[in-house]
Amino acid sequence: MTAERKREARQTFLLGAIVVRAGLSNADRAFLLGGLIELASVDPGSSEHRRLRDIGEEAFKVAQRGDGSSRRTRIAEWG
């Protein structure tokens, strides 16, 4: 396997793990793609981008702490 192919495989694995971490592993693929397309239109300098990034950063921190709280509880804490 070439270095480029390994990099692509790792990126695919990591992106899939994000979908699982968000609790969307059973979501309809069209729904997921539609949501990602909408996210792609969010301006990186906007308050909405910062808000979503903050939610994501907190989710990573919770996962690193091994916090046993439910996803729904964590989301309620963010918003």
PDB file of N, CA and C in Angstrom:
ATOM      1  N   MET A   1       0.851  -1.178   0.000  1.00  0.00           N
ATOM      2  CA  MET A   1       0.000   0.000   0.000  1.00  0.00           C
ATOM      3  C   MET A   1       0.897   1.242   0.000  1.00  0.00           C
ATOM      4  N   THR A   2       0.600   2.162  -0.882  1.00  0.00           N
ATOM      5  CA  THR A   2       1.401   3.376  -0.979  1.00  0.00           C
ATOM      6  C   THR A   2       1.120   4.299   0.205  1.00  0.00           C
ATOM      7  N   ALA A   3       2.016   5.227   0.419  1.00  0.00           N
ATOM      8  CA  ALA A   3       1.842   6.186   1.519  1.00  0.00           C
ATOM      9  C   ALA A   3       0.573   7.013   1.323  1.00  0.00           C
ATOM     10  N   GLU A   4       0.291   7.414   0.079  1.00  0.00           N
ATOM     11  CA  GLU A   4      -0.911   8.202  -0.201  1.00  0.00           C
ATOM     12  C   GLU A   4      -2.168   7.384   0.094  1.00  0.00           C
ATOM     13  N   ARG A   5      -2.155   6.135  -0.282  1.00  0.00           N
ATOM     14  CA  ARG A   5      -3.328   5.286  -0.036  1.00  0.00           C
ATOM     15  C   ARG A   5      -3.520   5.061   1.471  1.00  0.00           C
ATOM     16  N   LYS A   6      -2.447   4.903   2.204  1.00  0.00           N
ATOM     17  CA  LYS A   6      -2.535   4.757   3.660  1.00  0.00           C
ATOM     18  C   LYS A   6      -3.123   6.016   4.287  1.00  0.00           C
ATOM     19  N   ARG A   7      -2.678   7.176   3.804  1.00  0.00           N
ATOM     20  CA  ARG A   7      -3.190   8.439   4.327  1.00  0.00           C
ATOM     21  C   ARG A   7      -4.684   8.559   4.060  1.00  0.00           C
ATOM     22  N   GLU A   8      -5.105   8.209   2.853  1.00  0.00           N
ATOM     23  CA  GLU A   8      -6.522   8.273   2.505  1.00  0.00           C
ATOM     24  C   GLU A   8      -7.345   7.294   3.350  1.00  0.00           C
ATOM     25  N   ALA A   9      -6.809   6.093   3.566  1.00  0.00           N
ATOM     26  CA  ALA A   9      -7.518   5.097   4.381  1.00  0.00           C
ATOM     27  C   ALA A   9      -7.657   5.578   5.816  1.00  0.00           C
ATOM     28  N   ARG A  10      -6.617   6.179   6.353  1.00  0.00           N
ATOM     29  CA  ARG A  10      -6.674   6.701   7.724  1.00  0.00           C
ATOM     30  C   ARG A  10      -7.696   7.837   7.824  1.00  0.00           C
ATOM     31  N   GLN A  11      -7.709   8.719   6.844  1.00  0.00           N
ATOM     32  CA  GLN A  11      -8.657   9.824   6.853  1.00  0.00           C
ATOM     33  C   GLN A  11     -10.094   9.292   6.805  1.00  0.00           C
ATOM     34  N   THR A  12     -10.342   8.305   5.963  1.00  0.00           N
ATOM     35  CA  THR A  12     -11.675   7.706   5.863  1.00  0.00           C
ATOM     36  C   THR A  12     -12.074   7.079   7.195  1.00  0.00           C
ATOM     37  N   PHE A  13     -11.156   6.371   7.823  1.00  0.00           N
ATOM     38  CA  PHE A  13     -11.418   5.748   9.121  1.00  0.00           C
ATOM     39  C   PHE A  13     -11.760   6.808  10.172  1.00  0.00           C
ATOM     40  N   LEU A  14     -10.981   7.878  10.222  1.00  0.00           N
ATOM     41  CA  LEU A  14     -11.219   8.927  11.212  1.00  0.00           C
ATOM     42  C   LEU A  14     -12.549   9.634  10.987  1.00  0.00           C
ATOM     43  N   LEU A  15     -12.899   9.888   9.729  1.00  0.00           N
ATOM     44  CA  LEU A  15     -14.184  10.532   9.439  1.00  0.00           C
ATOM     45  C   LEU A  15     -15.348   9.611   9.813  1.00  0.00           C
ATOM     46  N   GLY A  16     -15.196   8.317   9.566  1.00  0.00           N
ATOM     47  CA  GLY A  16     -16.221   7.361   9.973  1.00  0.00           C
ATOM     48  C   GLY A  16     -16.379   7.324  11.484  1.00  0.00           C
ATOM     49  N   ALA A  17     -15.270   7.423  12.199  1.00  0.00           N
ATOM     50  CA  ALA A  17     -15.319   7.422  13.660  1.00  0.00           C
ATOM     51  C   ALA A  17     -16.067   8.649  14.181  1.00  0.00           C
ATOM     52  N   ILE A  18     -15.945   9.761  13.487  1.00  0.00           N
ATOM     53  CA  ILE A  18     -16.672  10.969  13.886  1.00  0.00           C
ATOM     54  C   ILE A  18     -18.174  10.758  13.731  1.00  0.00           C
ATOM     55  N   VAL A  19     -18.568  10.110  12.641  1.00  0.00           N
ATOM     56  CA  VAL A  19     -19.989   9.818  12.427  1.00  0.00           C
ATOM     57  C   VAL A  19     -20.505   8.928  13.556  1.00  0.00           C
ATOM     58  N   VAL A  20     -19.742   7.922  13.928  1.00  0.00           N
ATOM     59  CA  VAL A  20     -20.132   7.028  15.019  1.00  0.00           C
ATOM     60  C   VAL A  20     -20.198   7.794  16.335  1.00  0.00           C
ATOM     61  N   ARG A  21     -19.198   8.609  16.613  1.00  0.00           N
ATOM     62  CA  ARG A  21     -19.151   9.377  17.857  1.00  0.00           C
ATOM     63  C   ARG A  21     -20.351  10.317  17.978  1.00  0.00           C
ATOM     64  N   ALA A  22     -20.811  10.836  16.849  1.00  0.00           N
ATOM     65  CA  ALA A  22     -21.971  11.734  16.856  1.00  0.00           C
ATOM     66  C   ALA A  22     -23.287  10.978  17.012  1.00  0.00           C
ATOM     67  N   GLY A  23     -23.220   9.648  17.030  1.00  0.00           N
ATOM     68  CA  GLY A  23     -24.435   8.853  17.186  1.00  0.00           C
ATOM     69  C   GLY A  23     -25.224   8.714  15.894  1.00  0.00           C
ATOM     70  N   LEU A  24     -24.544   8.847  14.761  1.00  0.00           N
ATOM     71  CA  LEU A  24     -25.229   8.825  13.474  1.00  0.00           C
ATOM     72  C   LEU A  24     -24.912   7.602  12.630  1.00  0.00           C
ATOM     73  N   SER A  25     -24.384   6.558  13.241  1.00  0.00           N
ATOM     74  CA  SER A  25     -23.977   5.390  12.456  1.00  0.00           C
ATOM     75  C   SER A  25     -25.148   4.687  11.775  1.00  0.00           C
ATOM     76  N   ASN A  26     -26.356   4.862  12.289  1.00  0.00           N
ATOM     77  CA  ASN A  26     -27.532   4.238  11.676  1.00  0.00           C
ATOM     78  C   ASN A  26     -28.365   5.223  10.865  1.00  0.00           C
ATOM     79  N   ALA A  27     -27.870   6.436  10.708  1.00  0.00           N
ATOM     80  CA  ALA A  27     -28.617   7.464   9.971  1.00  0.00           C
ATOM     81  C   ALA A  27     -28.593   7.160   8.473  1.00  0.00           C
ATOM     82  N   ASP A  28     -29.620   7.619   7.805  1.00  0.00           N
ATOM     83  CA  ASP A  28     -29.724   7.494   6.362  1.00  0.00           C
ATOM     84  C   ASP A  28     -28.553   8.219   5.692  1.00  0.00           C
ATOM     85  N   ARG A  29     -27.919   7.583   4.723  1.00  0.00           N
ATOM     86  CA  ARG A  29     -26.753   8.175   4.060  1.00  0.00           C
ATOM     87  C   ARG A  29     -27.084   9.492   3.368  1.00  0.00           C
ATOM     88  N   ALA A  30     -28.254   9.579   2.764  1.00  0.00           N
ATOM     89  CA  ALA A  30     -28.649  10.826   2.094  1.00  0.00           C
ATOM     90  C   ALA A  30     -28.803  11.952   3.112  1.00  0.00           C
ATOM     91  N   PHE A  31     -29.342  11.613   4.284  1.00  0.00           N
ATOM     92  CA  PHE A  31     -29.470  12.599   5.361  1.00  0.00           C
ATOM     93  C   PHE A  31     -28.087  13.099   5.779  1.00  0.00           C
ATOM     94  N   LEU A  32     -27.160  12.177   5.980  1.00  0.00           N
ATOM     95  CA  LEU A  32     -25.805  12.561   6.375  1.00  0.00           C
ATOM     96  C   LEU A  32     -25.148  13.443   5.317  1.00  0.00           C
ATOM     97  N   LEU A  33     -25.257  13.044   4.069  1.00  0.00           N
ATOM     98  CA  LEU A  33     -24.640  13.829   3.006  1.00  0.00           C
ATOM     99  C   LEU A  33     -25.275  15.211   2.916  1.00  0.00           C
ATOM    100  N   GLY A  34     -26.592  15.284   3.031  1.00  0.00           N
ATOM    101  CA  GLY A  34     -27.264  16.579   3.011  1.00  0.00           C
ATOM    102  C   GLY A  34     -26.790  17.475   4.135  1.00  0.00           C
ATOM    103  N   GLY A  35     -26.650  16.904   5.323  1.00  0.00           N
ATOM    104  CA  GLY A  35     -26.157  17.689   6.452  1.00  0.00           C
ATOM    105  C   GLY A  35     -24.738  18.177   6.242  1.00  0.00           C
ATOM    106  N   LEU A  36     -23.891  17.330   5.692  1.00  0.00           N
ATOM    107  CA  LEU A  36     -22.507  17.729   5.432  1.00  0.00           C
ATOM    108  C   LEU A  36     -22.431  18.808   4.351  1.00  0.00           C
ATOM    109  N   ILE A  37     -23.282  18.698   3.344  1.00  0.00           N
ATOM    110  CA  ILE A  37     -23.316  19.738   2.308  1.00  0.00           C
ATOM    111  C   ILE A  37     -23.734  21.071   2.923  1.00  0.00           C
ATOM    112  N   GLU A  38     -24.726  21.037   3.801  1.00  0.00           N
ATOM    113  CA  GLU A  38     -25.138  22.266   4.489  1.00  0.00           C
ATOM    114  C   GLU A  38     -23.987  22.815   5.337  1.00  0.00           C
ATOM    115  N   LEU A  39     -23.284  21.955   6.053  1.00  0.00           N
ATOM    116  CA  LEU A  39     -22.156  22.407   6.878  1.00  0.00           C
ATOM    117  C   LEU A  39     -21.070  23.042   6.026  1.00  0.00           C
ATOM    118  N   ALA A  40     -20.866  22.516   4.824  1.00  0.00           N
ATOM    119  CA  ALA A  40     -19.833  23.054   3.939  1.00  0.00           C
ATOM    120  C   ALA A  40     -20.125  24.498   3.549  1.00  0.00           C
ATOM    121  N   SER A  41     -21.378  24.918   3.659  1.00  0.00           N
ATOM    122  CA  SER A  41     -21.725  26.290   3.279  1.00  0.00           C
ATOM    123  C   SER A  41     -21.578  27.280   4.434  1.00  0.00           C
ATOM    124  N   VAL A  42     -21.242  26.793   5.629  1.00  0.00           N
ATOM    125  CA  VAL A  42     -21.073  27.686   6.782  1.00  0.00           C
ATOM    126  C   VAL A  42     -19.730  28.400   6.656  1.00  0.00           C
ATOM    127  N   ASP A  43     -19.764  29.719   6.694  1.00  0.00           N
ATOM    128  CA  ASP A  43     -18.556  30.532   6.574  1.00  0.00           C
ATOM    129  C   ASP A  43     -17.629  30.280   7.760  1.00  0.00           C
ATOM    130  N   PRO A  44     -16.363  29.911   7.503  1.00  0.00           N
ATOM    131  CA  PRO A  44     -15.427  29.611   8.590  1.00  0.00           C
ATOM    132  C   PRO A  44     -15.245  30.731   9.611  1.00  0.00           C
ATOM    133  N   GLY A  45     -15.518  31.966   9.253  1.00  0.00           N
ATOM    134  CA  GLY A  45     -15.362  33.067  10.197  1.00  0.00           C
ATOM    135  C   GLY A  45     -16.643  33.439  10.926  1.00  0.00           C
ATOM    136  N   SER A  46     -17.716  32.716  10.667  1.00  0.00           N
ATOM    137  CA  SER A  46     -19.019  33.090  11.221  1.00  0.00           C
ATOM    138  C   SER A  46     -19.204  32.619  12.662  1.00  0.00           C
ATOM    139  N   SER A  47     -20.172  33.224  13.320  1.00  0.00           N
ATOM    140  CA  SER A  47     -20.496  32.799  14.683  1.00  0.00           C
ATOM    141  C   SER A  47     -21.071  31.386  14.682  1.00  0.00           C
ATOM    142  N   GLU A  48     -21.790  31.014  13.633  1.00  0.00           N
ATOM    143  CA  GLU A  48     -22.322  29.652  13.545  1.00  0.00           C
ATOM    144  C   GLU A  48     -21.194  28.635  13.453  1.00  0.00           C
ATOM    145  N   HIS A  49     -20.155  28.940  12.703  1.00  0.00           N
ATOM    146  CA  HIS A  49     -18.995  28.052  12.601  1.00  0.00           C
ATOM    147  C   HIS A  49     -18.329  27.893  13.970  1.00  0.00           C
ATOM    148  N   ARG A  50     -18.146  29.005  14.653  1.00  0.00           N
ATOM    149  CA  ARG A  50     -17.526  28.950  15.990  1.00  0.00           C
ATOM    150  C   ARG A  50     -18.393  28.145  16.955  1.00  0.00           C
ATOM    151  N   ARG A  51     -19.710  28.341  16.892  1.00  0.00           N
ATOM    152  CA  ARG A  51     -20.625  27.619  17.773  1.00  0.00           C
ATOM    153  C   ARG A  51     -20.527  26.119  17.532  1.00  0.00           C
ATOM    154  N   LEU A  52     -20.551  25.712  16.279  1.00  0.00           N
ATOM    155  CA  LEU A  52     -20.477  24.285  15.952  1.00  0.00           C
ATOM    156  C   LEU A  52     -19.112  23.707  16.312  1.00  0.00           C
ATOM    157  N   ARG A  53     -18.065  24.479  16.087  1.00  0.00           N
ATOM    158  CA  ARG A  53     -16.726  24.015  16.442  1.00  0.00           C
ATOM    159  C   ARG A  53     -16.593  23.828  17.956  1.00  0.00           C
ATOM    160  N   ASP A  54     -17.154  24.749  18.718  1.00  0.00           N
ATOM    161  CA  ASP A  54     -17.125  24.624  20.180  1.00  0.00           C
ATOM    162  C   ASP A  54     -17.829  23.347  20.633  1.00  0.00           C
ATOM    163  N   ILE A  55     -18.962  23.038  20.017  1.00  0.00           N
ATOM    164  CA  ILE A  55     -19.685  21.805  20.353  1.00  0.00           C
ATOM    165  C   ILE A  55     -18.802  20.595  20.062  1.00  0.00           C
ATOM    166  N   GLY A  56     -18.162  20.602  18.894  1.00  0.00           N
ATOM    167  CA  GLY A  56     -17.294  19.488  18.529  1.00  0.00           C
ATOM    168  C   GLY A  56     -16.098  19.342  19.447  1.00  0.00           C
ATOM    169  N   GLU A  57     -15.478  20.458  19.783  1.00  0.00           N
ATOM    170  CA  GLU A  57     -14.329  20.401  20.688  1.00  0.00           C
ATOM    171  C   GLU A  57     -14.735  19.852  22.050  1.00  0.00           C
ATOM    172  N   GLU A  58     -15.885  20.256  22.548  1.00  0.00           N
ATOM    173  CA  GLU A  58     -16.364  19.742  23.834  1.00  0.00           C
ATOM    174  C   GLU A  58     -16.638  18.245  23.744  1.00  0.00           C
ATOM    175  N   ALA A  59     -17.192  17.802  22.632  1.00  0.00           N
ATOM    176  CA  ALA A  59     -17.471  16.369  22.457  1.00  0.00           C
ATOM    177  C   ALA A  59     -16.173  15.561  22.472  1.00  0.00           C
ATOM    178  N   PHE A  60     -15.122  16.075  21.846  1.00  0.00           N
ATOM    179  CA  PHE A  60     -13.834  15.384  21.886  1.00  0.00           C
ATOM    180  C   PHE A  60     -13.288  15.340  23.310  1.00  0.00           C
ATOM    181  N   LYS A  61     -13.426  16.426  24.057  1.00  0.00           N
ATOM    182  CA  LYS A  61     -12.953  16.452  25.445  1.00  0.00           C
ATOM    183  C   LYS A  61     -13.698  15.436  26.292  1.00  0.00           C
ATOM    184  N   VAL A  62     -15.009  15.368  26.115  1.00  0.00           N
ATOM    185  CA  VAL A  62     -15.826  14.406  26.866  1.00  0.00           C
ATOM    186  C   VAL A  62     -15.361  12.988  26.556  1.00  0.00           C
ATOM    187  N   ALA A  63     -15.115  12.703  25.280  1.00  0.00           N
ATOM    188  CA  ALA A  63     -14.676  11.364  24.880  1.00  0.00           C
ATOM    189  C   ALA A  63     -13.304  11.047  25.471  1.00  0.00           C
ATOM    190  N   GLN A  64     -12.410  12.019  25.512  1.00  0.00           N
ATOM    191  CA  GLN A  64     -11.078  11.795  26.059  1.00  0.00           C
ATOM    192  C   GLN A  64     -11.117  11.549  27.562  1.00  0.00           C
ATOM    193  N   ARG A  65     -12.064  12.197  28.251  1.00  0.00           N
ATOM    194  CA  ARG A  65     -12.203  12.001  29.695  1.00  0.00           C
ATOM    195  C   ARG A  65     -12.830  10.660  30.011  1.00  0.00           C
ATOM    196  N   GLY A  66     -13.455  10.057  29.001  1.00  0.00           N
ATOM    197  CA  GLY A  66     -14.146   8.803  29.242  1.00  0.00           C
ATOM    198  C   GLY A  66     -15.423   9.011  30.022  1.00  0.00           C
ATOM    199  N   ASP A  67     -15.981  10.195  29.913  1.00  0.00           N
ATOM    200  CA  ASP A  67     -17.217  10.542  30.606  1.00  0.00           C
ATOM    201  C   ASP A  67     -18.321   9.584  30.181  1.00  0.00           C
ATOM    202  N   GLY A  68     -19.019   9.026  31.117  1.00  0.00           N
ATOM    203  CA  GLY A  68     -20.057   8.057  30.813  1.00  0.00           C
ATOM    204  C   GLY A  68     -21.414   8.664  30.540  1.00  0.00           C
ATOM    205  N   SER A  69     -21.509   9.983  30.481  1.00  0.00           N
ATOM    206  CA  SER A  69     -22.806  10.602  30.272  1.00  0.00           C
ATOM    207  C   SER A  69     -23.302  10.332  28.856  1.00  0.00           C
ATOM    208  N   SER A  70     -24.589  10.395  28.698  1.00  0.00           N
ATOM    209  CA  SER A  70     -25.177  10.118  27.391  1.00  0.00           C
ATOM    210  C   SER A  70     -24.931  11.273  26.435  1.00  0.00           C
ATOM    211  N   ARG A  71     -24.994  10.986  25.154  1.00  0.00           N
ATOM    212  CA  ARG A  71     -24.817  12.007  24.127  1.00  0.00           C
ATOM    213  C   ARG A  71     -25.869  13.089  24.282  1.00  0.00           C
ATOM    214  N   ARG A  72     -27.100  12.702  24.537  1.00  0.00           N
ATOM    215  CA  ARG A  72     -28.190  13.670  24.660  1.00  0.00           C
ATOM    216  C   ARG A  72     -27.927  14.617  25.831  1.00  0.00           C
ATOM    217  N   THR A  73     -27.428  14.108  26.938  1.00  0.00           N
ATOM    218  CA  THR A  73     -27.121  14.958  28.097  1.00  0.00           C
ATOM    219  C   THR A  73     -26.028  15.955  27.740  1.00  0.00           C
ATOM    220  N   ARG A  74     -24.998  15.500  27.038  1.00  0.00           N
ATOM    221  CA  ARG A  74     -23.897  16.389  26.671  1.00  0.00           C
ATOM    222  C   ARG A  74     -24.387  17.474  25.726  1.00  0.00           C
ATOM    223  N   ILE A  75     -25.249  17.128  24.775  1.00  0.00           N
ATOM    224  CA  ILE A  75     -25.757  18.126  23.841  1.00  0.00           C
ATOM    225  C   ILE A  75     -26.577  19.176  24.587  1.00  0.00           C
ATOM    226  N   ALA A  76     -27.374  18.747  25.552  1.00  0.00           N
ATOM    227  CA  ALA A  76     -28.173  19.690  26.328  1.00  0.00           C
ATOM    228  C   ALA A  76     -27.266  20.664  27.072  1.00  0.00           C
ATOM    229  N   GLU A  77     -26.109  20.185  27.515  1.00  0.00           N
ATOM    230  CA  GLU A  77     -25.165  21.057  28.217  1.00  0.00           C
ATOM    231  C   GLU A  77     -24.573  22.094  27.280  1.00  0.00           C
ATOM    232  N   TRP A  78     -24.428  21.772  25.992  1.00  0.00           N
ATOM    233  CA  TRP A  78     -23.801  22.691  25.030  1.00  0.00           C
ATOM    234  C   TRP A  78     -24.718  23.829  24.651  1.00  0.00           C
ATOM    235  N   GLY A  79     -26.012  23.565  24.577  1.00  0.00           N
ATOM    236  CA  GLY A  79     -26.867  24.577  23.997  1.00  0.00           C
ATOM    237  C   GLY A  79     -27.777  25.153  24.980  1.00  0.00           C
TER     238      GLY A  79
END
